[in-house]
């Protein structure tokens, strides 16, 4: 089953192919496609994950970071 990620980056609608074995999640895939380094995000995500068990807090951290980088409407489309 082929997967495609549809997303908006700085107001432009885009889509890319996606493979689960290459990226940790959809955000990493779209960040790589736009040439954005996510190493600081991954380190902070790990710190947040170690400091709380609340999934809502982790999701909130991730969503805020994604918005700061200019992404919105990230969704995985199964073909």
PDB file of N, CA and C in Angstrom:
ATOM      1  N   UNK A   1       0.854  -1.174   0.000  1.00  0.00           N
ATOM      2  CA  UNK A   1       0.000   0.000   0.000  1.00  0.00           C
ATOM      3  C   UNK A   1       0.901   1.239   0.000  1.00  0.00           C
ATOM      4  N   UNK A   2       0.723   2.107  -0.965  1.00  0.00           N
ATOM      5  CA  UNK A   2       1.512   3.321  -1.071  1.00  0.00           C
ATOM      6  C   UNK A   2       0.955   4.401  -0.146  1.00  0.00           C
ATOM      7  N   UNK A   3       1.862   5.139   0.470  1.00  0.00           N
ATOM      8  CA  UNK A   3       1.472   6.232   1.350  1.00  0.00           C
ATOM      9  C   UNK A   3       1.982   7.551   0.786  1.00  0.00           C
ATOM     10  N   UNK A   4       1.170   8.575   0.909  1.00  0.00           N
ATOM     11  CA  UNK A   4       1.518   9.920   0.496  1.00  0.00           C
ATOM     12  C   UNK A   4       1.202  10.854   1.655  1.00  0.00           C
ATOM     13  N   UNK A   5       2.072  11.830   1.876  1.00  0.00           N
ATOM     14  CA  UNK A   5       1.799  12.837   2.897  1.00  0.00           C
ATOM     15  C   UNK A   5       1.391  14.122   2.195  1.00  0.00           C
ATOM     16  N   UNK A   6       0.246  14.630   2.594  1.00  0.00           N
ATOM     17  CA  UNK A   6      -0.247  15.907   2.095  1.00  0.00           C
ATOM     18  C   UNK A   6      -0.063  16.922   3.216  1.00  0.00           C
ATOM     19  N   UNK A   7       0.514  18.086   2.898  1.00  0.00           N
ATOM     20  CA  UNK A   7       0.765  19.089   3.932  1.00  0.00           C
ATOM     21  C   UNK A   7       0.809  20.491   3.331  1.00  0.00           C
ATOM     22  N   UNK A   8       0.718  21.474   4.206  1.00  0.00           N
ATOM     23  CA  UNK A   8       0.835  22.867   3.809  1.00  0.00           C
ATOM     24  C   UNK A   8       2.077  23.435   4.474  1.00  0.00           C
ATOM     25  N   UNK A   9       2.963  24.033   3.673  1.00  0.00           N
ATOM     26  CA  UNK A   9       4.186  24.640   4.197  1.00  0.00           C
ATOM     27  C   UNK A   9       4.222  26.091   3.763  1.00  0.00           C
ATOM     28  N   UNK A  10       4.121  26.976   4.742  1.00  0.00           N
ATOM     29  CA  UNK A  10       4.140  28.422   4.503  1.00  0.00           C
ATOM     30  C   UNK A  10       3.126  28.828   3.439  1.00  0.00           C
ATOM     31  N   UNK A  11       1.919  28.263   3.557  1.00  0.00           N
ATOM     32  CA  UNK A  11       0.817  28.636   2.681  1.00  0.00           C
ATOM     33  C   UNK A  11       0.725  27.878   1.377  1.00  0.00           C
ATOM     34  N   UNK A  12       1.684  27.027   1.056  1.00  0.00           N
ATOM     35  CA  UNK A  12       1.651  26.263  -0.190  1.00  0.00           C
ATOM     36  C   UNK A  12       1.312  24.807   0.086  1.00  0.00           C
ATOM     37  N   UNK A  13       0.315  24.283  -0.614  1.00  0.00           N
ATOM     38  CA  UNK A  13      -0.090  22.887  -0.480  1.00  0.00           C
ATOM     39  C   UNK A  13       0.899  22.011  -1.238  1.00  0.00           C
ATOM     40  N   UNK A  14       1.409  20.950  -0.584  1.00  0.00           N
ATOM     41  CA  UNK A  14       2.378  20.057  -1.198  1.00  0.00           C
ATOM     42  C   UNK A  14       2.055  18.619  -0.819  1.00  0.00           C
ATOM     43  N   UNK A  15       2.668  17.672  -1.526  1.00  0.00           N
ATOM     44  CA  UNK A  15       2.538  16.261  -1.159  1.00  0.00           C
ATOM     45  C   UNK A  15       3.826  15.539  -1.550  1.00  0.00           C
ATOM     46  N   UNK A  16       4.164  14.496  -0.755  1.00  0.00           N
ATOM     47  CA  UNK A  16       5.369  13.703  -0.996  1.00  0.00           C
ATOM     48  C   UNK A  16       5.044  12.236  -0.731  1.00  0.00           C
ATOM     49  N   UNK A  17       5.875  11.349  -1.263  1.00  0.00           N
ATOM     50  CA  UNK A  17       5.759   9.932  -0.962  1.00  0.00           C
ATOM     51  C   UNK A  17       6.318   9.678   0.433  1.00  0.00           C
ATOM     52  N   UNK A  18       5.856   8.627   1.100  1.00  0.00           N
ATOM     53  CA  UNK A  18       6.256   8.370   2.479  1.00  0.00           C
ATOM     54  C   UNK A  18       6.473   6.884   2.691  1.00  0.00           C
ATOM     55  N   UNK A  19       7.557   6.557   3.407  1.00  0.00           N
ATOM     56  CA  UNK A  19       7.845   5.172   3.782  1.00  0.00           C
ATOM     57  C   UNK A  19       8.126   5.120   5.281  1.00  0.00           C
ATOM     58  N   UNK A  20       7.454   4.230   5.991  1.00  0.00           N
ATOM     59  CA  UNK A  20       7.619   4.120   7.444  1.00  0.00           C
ATOM     60  C   UNK A  20       9.024   3.709   7.855  1.00  0.00           C
ATOM     61  N   UNK A  21       9.737   2.991   7.013  1.00  0.00           N
ATOM     62  CA  UNK A  21      11.063   2.513   7.396  1.00  0.00           C
ATOM     63  C   UNK A  21      12.140   3.593   7.309  1.00  0.00           C
ATOM     64  N   UNK A  22      11.866   4.690   6.639  1.00  0.00           N
ATOM     65  CA  UNK A  22      12.878   5.731   6.467  1.00  0.00           C
ATOM     66  C   UNK A  22      12.763   6.844   7.505  1.00  0.00           C
ATOM     67  N   UNK A  23      11.563   7.172   7.947  1.00  0.00           N
ATOM     68  CA  UNK A  23      11.345   8.272   8.888  1.00  0.00           C
ATOM     69  C   UNK A  23      10.562   7.800  10.105  1.00  0.00           C
ATOM     70  N   UNK A  24      10.808   8.464  11.219  1.00  0.00           N
ATOM     71  CA  UNK A  24      10.139   8.150  12.482  1.00  0.00           C
ATOM     72  C   UNK A  24       8.653   8.468  12.426  1.00  0.00           C
ATOM     73  N   UNK A  25       8.317   9.616  11.823  1.00  0.00           N
ATOM     74  CA  UNK A  25       6.908  10.011  11.695  1.00  0.00           C
ATOM     75  C   UNK A  25       6.745  10.941  10.493  1.00  0.00           C
ATOM     76  N   UNK A  26       5.521  11.345  10.241  1.00  0.00           N
ATOM     77  CA  UNK A  26       5.216  12.177   9.073  1.00  0.00           C
ATOM     78  C   UNK A  26       5.909  13.534   9.153  1.00  0.00           C
ATOM     79  N   UNK A  27       6.018  14.108  10.358  1.00  0.00           N
ATOM     80  CA  UNK A  27       6.677  15.410  10.482  1.00  0.00           C
ATOM     81  C   UNK A  27       8.138  15.336  10.048  1.00  0.00           C
ATOM     82  N   UNK A  28       8.845  14.288  10.450  1.00  0.00           N
ATOM     83  CA  UNK A  28      10.243  14.144  10.034  1.00  0.00           C
ATOM     84  C   UNK A  28      10.354  14.057   8.518  1.00  0.00           C
ATOM     85  N   UNK A  29       9.425  13.380   7.874  1.00  0.00           N
ATOM     86  CA  UNK A  29       9.450  13.234   6.419  1.00  0.00           C
ATOM     87  C   UNK A  29       9.251  14.570   5.716  1.00  0.00           C
ATOM     88  N   UNK A  30       8.275  15.358   6.166  1.00  0.00           N
ATOM     89  CA  UNK A  30       8.033  16.650   5.503  1.00  0.00           C
ATOM     90  C   UNK A  30       9.150  17.637   5.828  1.00  0.00           C
ATOM     91  N   UNK A  31       9.713  17.568   7.025  1.00  0.00           N
ATOM     92  CA  UNK A  31      10.833  18.440   7.373  1.00  0.00           C
ATOM     93  C   UNK A  31      12.041  18.123   6.494  1.00  0.00           C
ATOM     94  N   UNK A  32      12.309  16.845   6.266  1.00  0.00           N
ATOM     95  CA  UNK A  32      13.415  16.449   5.391  1.00  0.00           C
ATOM     96  C   UNK A  32      13.163  16.920   3.963  1.00  0.00           C
ATOM     97  N   UNK A  33      11.928  16.837   3.507  1.00  0.00           N
ATOM     98  CA  UNK A  33      11.592  17.283   2.151  1.00  0.00           C
ATOM     99  C   UNK A  33      11.812  18.783   1.985  1.00  0.00           C
ATOM    100  N   UNK A  34      11.621  19.536   3.061  1.00  0.00           N
ATOM    101  CA  UNK A  34      11.812  20.992   3.001  1.00  0.00           C
ATOM    102  C   UNK A  34      13.209  21.414   3.440  1.00  0.00           C
ATOM    103  N   UNK A  35      14.070  20.455   3.801  1.00  0.00           N
ATOM    104  CA  UNK A  35      15.445  20.753   4.181  1.00  0.00           C
ATOM    105  C   UNK A  35      15.599  21.331   5.585  1.00  0.00           C
ATOM    106  N   UNK A  36      14.685  20.994   6.490  1.00  0.00           N
ATOM    107  CA  UNK A  36      14.729  21.501   7.857  1.00  0.00           C
ATOM    108  C   UNK A  36      15.368  20.454   8.761  1.00  0.00           C
ATOM    109  N   UNK A  37      16.360  20.879   9.552  1.00  0.00           N
ATOM    110  CA  UNK A  37      17.045  19.993  10.490  1.00  0.00           C
ATOM    111  C   UNK A  37      16.168  19.797  11.721  1.00  0.00           C
ATOM    112  N   UNK A  38      15.866  18.548  12.068  1.00  0.00           N
ATOM    113  CA  UNK A  38      14.991  18.258  13.206  1.00  0.00           C
ATOM    114  C   UNK A  38      15.742  17.693  14.402  1.00  0.00           C
ATOM    115  N   UNK A  39      17.067  17.783  14.416  1.00  0.00           N
ATOM    116  CA  UNK A  39      17.831  17.197  15.526  1.00  0.00           C
ATOM    117  C   UNK A  39      17.504  17.869  16.854  1.00  0.00           C
ATOM    118  N   UNK A  40      17.307  19.189  16.875  1.00  0.00           N
ATOM    119  CA  UNK A  40      16.937  19.870  18.123  1.00  0.00           C
ATOM    120  C   UNK A  40      15.545  19.436  18.585  1.00  0.00           C
ATOM    121  N   UNK A  41      14.639  19.244  17.647  1.00  0.00           N
ATOM    122  CA  UNK A  41      13.299  18.782  17.978  1.00  0.00           C
ATOM    123  C   UNK A  41      13.336  17.382  18.594  1.00  0.00           C
ATOM    124  N   UNK A  42      14.107  16.485  17.990  1.00  0.00           N
ATOM    125  CA  UNK A  42      14.170  15.111  18.492  1.00  0.00           C
ATOM    126  C   UNK A  42      14.752  15.055  19.906  1.00  0.00           C
ATOM    127  N   UNK A  43      15.764  15.879  20.188  1.00  0.00           N
ATOM    128  CA  UNK A  43      16.352  15.919  21.533  1.00  0.00           C
ATOM    129  C   UNK A  43      15.343  16.446  22.546  1.00  0.00           C
ATOM    130  N   UNK A  44      14.622  17.506  22.198  1.00  0.00           N
ATOM    131  CA  UNK A  44      13.630  18.069  23.109  1.00  0.00           C
ATOM    132  C   UNK A  44      12.445  17.129  23.282  1.00  0.00           C
ATOM    133  N   UNK A  45      12.042  16.462  22.219  1.00  0.00           N
ATOM    134  CA  UNK A  45      10.943  15.507  22.315  1.00  0.00           C
ATOM    135  C   UNK A  45      11.304  14.378  23.286  1.00  0.00           C
ATOM    136  N   UNK A  46      12.538  13.912  23.201  1.00  0.00           N
ATOM    137  CA  UNK A  46      12.995  12.859  24.108  1.00  0.00           C
ATOM    138  C   UNK A  46      12.983  13.352  25.555  1.00  0.00           C
ATOM    139  N   UNK A  47      13.409  14.597  25.785  1.00  0.00           N
ATOM    140  CA  UNK A  47      13.405  15.165  27.136  1.00  0.00           C
ATOM    141  C   UNK A  47      11.984  15.292  27.669  1.00  0.00           C
ATOM    142  N   UNK A  48      11.060  15.740  26.824  1.00  0.00           N
ATOM    143  CA  UNK A  48       9.660  15.857  27.240  1.00  0.00           C
ATOM    144  C   UNK A  48       9.097  14.472  27.540  1.00  0.00           C
ATOM    145  N   UNK A  49       9.412  13.494  26.702  1.00  0.00           N
ATOM    146  CA  UNK A  49       8.930  12.124  26.894  1.00  0.00           C
ATOM    147  C   UNK A  49       9.446  11.533  28.209  1.00  0.00           C
ATOM    148  N   UNK A  50      10.692  11.857  28.577  1.00  0.00           N
ATOM    149  CA  UNK A  50      11.271  11.340  29.819  1.00  0.00           C
ATOM    150  C   UNK A  50      10.687  12.033  31.050  1.00  0.00           C
ATOM    151  N   UNK A  51      10.231  13.281  30.891  1.00  0.00           N
ATOM    152  CA  UNK A  51       9.767  14.044  32.049  1.00  0.00           C
ATOM    153  C   UNK A  51       8.274  13.891  32.335  1.00  0.00           C
ATOM    154  N   UNK A  52       7.518  13.356  31.390  1.00  0.00           N
ATOM    155  CA  UNK A  52       6.079  13.208  31.609  1.00  0.00           C
ATOM    156  C   UNK A  52       5.568  11.929  30.970  1.00  0.00           C
ATOM    157  N   UNK A  53       4.493  11.432  31.494  1.00  0.00           N
ATOM    158  CA  UNK A  53       3.824  10.275  30.891  1.00  0.00           C
ATOM    159  C   UNK A  53       2.538  10.704  30.201  1.00  0.00           C
ATOM    160  N   UNK A  54       2.252  11.985  30.263  1.00  0.00           N
ATOM    161  CA  UNK A  54       1.024  12.529  29.688  1.00  0.00           C
ATOM    162  C   UNK A  54       1.176  12.665  28.177  1.00  0.00           C
ATOM    163  N   UNK A  55       0.430  11.881  27.422  1.00  0.00           N
ATOM    164  CA  UNK A  55       0.523  11.917  25.963  1.00  0.00           C
ATOM    165  C   UNK A  55       0.037  13.244  25.389  1.00  0.00           C
ATOM    166  N   UNK A  56      -0.884  13.893  26.089  1.00  0.00           N
ATOM    167  CA  UNK A  56      -1.389  15.180  25.622  1.00  0.00           C
ATOM    168  C   UNK A  56      -0.278  16.235  25.642  1.00  0.00           C
ATOM    169  N   UNK A  57       0.566  16.207  26.654  1.00  0.00           N
ATOM    170  CA  UNK A  57       1.681  17.150  26.750  1.00  0.00           C
ATOM    171  C   UNK A  57       2.653  16.944  25.600  1.00  0.00           C
ATOM    172  N   UNK A  58       2.976  15.697  25.315  1.00  0.00           N
ATOM    173  CA  UNK A  58       3.886  15.384  24.218  1.00  0.00           C
ATOM    174  C   UNK A  58       3.295  15.804  22.878  1.00  0.00           C
ATOM    175  N   UNK A  59       2.023  15.536  22.668  1.00  0.00           N
ATOM    176  CA  UNK A  59       1.345  15.921  21.431  1.00  0.00           C
ATOM    177  C   UNK A  59       1.302  17.446  21.285  1.00  0.00           C
ATOM    178  N   UNK A  60       1.051  18.147  22.396  1.00  0.00           N
ATOM    179  CA  UNK A  60       1.012  19.597  22.379  1.00  0.00           C
ATOM    180  C   UNK A  60       2.383  20.174  22.014  1.00  0.00           C
ATOM    181  N   UNK A  61       3.452  19.613  22.588  1.00  0.00           N
ATOM    182  CA  UNK A  61       4.809  20.033  22.257  1.00  0.00           C
ATOM    183  C   UNK A  61       5.076  19.861  20.769  1.00  0.00           C
ATOM    184  N   UNK A  62       4.743  18.692  20.243  1.00  0.00           N
ATOM    185  CA  UNK A  62       4.973  18.392  18.827  1.00  0.00           C
ATOM    186  C   UNK A  62       4.181  19.339  17.921  1.00  0.00           C
ATOM    187  N   UNK A  63       2.908  19.534  18.225  1.00  0.00           N
ATOM    188  CA  UNK A  63       2.065  20.399  17.394  1.00  0.00           C
ATOM    189  C   UNK A  63       2.555  21.843  17.397  1.00  0.00           C
ATOM    190  N   UNK A  64       2.971  22.348  18.547  1.00  0.00           N
ATOM    191  CA  UNK A  64       3.492  23.717  18.620  1.00  0.00           C
ATOM    192  C   UNK A  64       4.777  23.868  17.821  1.00  0.00           C
ATOM    193  N   UNK A  65       5.658  22.888  17.908  1.00  0.00           N
ATOM    194  CA  UNK A  65       6.921  22.936  17.169  1.00  0.00           C
ATOM    195  C   UNK A  65       6.664  22.922  15.668  1.00  0.00           C
ATOM    196  N   UNK A  66       5.744  22.084  15.236  1.00  0.00           N
ATOM    197  CA  UNK A  66       5.415  21.988  13.812  1.00  0.00           C
ATOM    198  C   UNK A  66       4.866  23.314  13.294  1.00  0.00           C
ATOM    199  N   UNK A  67       3.989  23.937  14.061  1.00  0.00           N
ATOM    200  CA  UNK A  67       3.435  25.240  13.661  1.00  0.00           C
ATOM    201  C   UNK A  67       4.518  26.316  13.597  1.00  0.00           C
ATOM    202  N   UNK A  68       5.465  26.287  14.534  1.00  0.00           N
ATOM    203  CA  UNK A  68       6.561  27.264  14.535  1.00  0.00           C
ATOM    204  C   UNK A  68       7.404  27.167  13.267  1.00  0.00           C
ATOM    205  N   UNK A  69       7.570  25.985  12.755  1.00  0.00           N
ATOM    206  CA  UNK A  69       8.372  25.775  11.541  1.00  0.00           C
ATOM    207  C   UNK A  69       7.611  26.104  10.257  1.00  0.00           C
ATOM    208  N   UNK A  70       6.317  26.394  10.342  1.00  0.00           N
ATOM    209  CA  UNK A  70       5.550  26.804   9.168  1.00  0.00           C
ATOM    210  C   UNK A  70       4.694  25.723   8.535  1.00  0.00           C
ATOM    211  N   UNK A  71       4.554  24.582   9.185  1.00  0.00           N
ATOM    212  CA  UNK A  71       3.756  23.488   8.651  1.00  0.00           C
ATOM    213  C   UNK A  71       2.339  23.524   9.211  1.00  0.00           C
ATOM    214  N   UNK A  72       1.405  23.047   8.416  1.00  0.00           N
ATOM    215  CA  UNK A  72       0.034  22.864   8.889  1.00  0.00           C
ATOM    216  C   UNK A  72      -0.625  21.775   8.044  1.00  0.00           C
ATOM    217  N   UNK A  73      -1.709  21.258   8.527  1.00  0.00           N
ATOM    218  CA  UNK A  73      -2.529  20.265   7.801  1.00  0.00           C
ATOM    219  C   UNK A  73      -1.719  19.073   7.296  1.00  0.00           C
ATOM    220  N   UNK A  74      -0.892  18.487   8.146  1.00  0.00           N
ATOM    221  CA  UNK A  74      -0.126  17.302   7.763  1.00  0.00           C
ATOM    222  C   UNK A  74      -1.020  16.079   7.911  1.00  0.00           C
ATOM    223  N   UNK A  75      -1.193  15.344   6.814  1.00  0.00           N
ATOM    224  CA  UNK A  75      -2.017  14.139   6.886  1.00  0.00           C
ATOM    225  C   UNK A  75      -1.436  13.067   5.963  1.00  0.00           C
ATOM    226  N   UNK A  76      -1.530  11.823   6.414  1.00  0.00           N
ATOM    227  CA  UNK A  76      -1.049  10.674   5.642  1.00  0.00           C
ATOM    228  C   UNK A  76      -2.231  10.138   4.847  1.00  0.00           C
ATOM    229  N   UNK A  77      -2.032  10.000   3.533  1.00  0.00           N
ATOM    230  CA  UNK A  77      -3.081   9.535   2.639  1.00  0.00           C
ATOM    231  C   UNK A  77      -2.692   8.149   2.133  1.00  0.00           C
ATOM    232  N   UNK A  78      -3.546   7.181   2.343  1.00  0.00           N
ATOM    233  CA  UNK A  78      -3.303   5.814   1.865  1.00  0.00           C
ATOM    234  C   UNK A  78      -3.936   5.660   0.483  1.00  0.00           C
ATOM    235  N   UNK A  79      -3.176   5.141  -0.421  1.00  0.00           N
ATOM    236  CA  UNK A  79      -3.663   4.982  -1.809  1.00  0.00           C
ATOM    237  C   UNK A  79      -3.989   3.551  -2.102  1.00  0.00           C
TER     238      UNK A  79
END
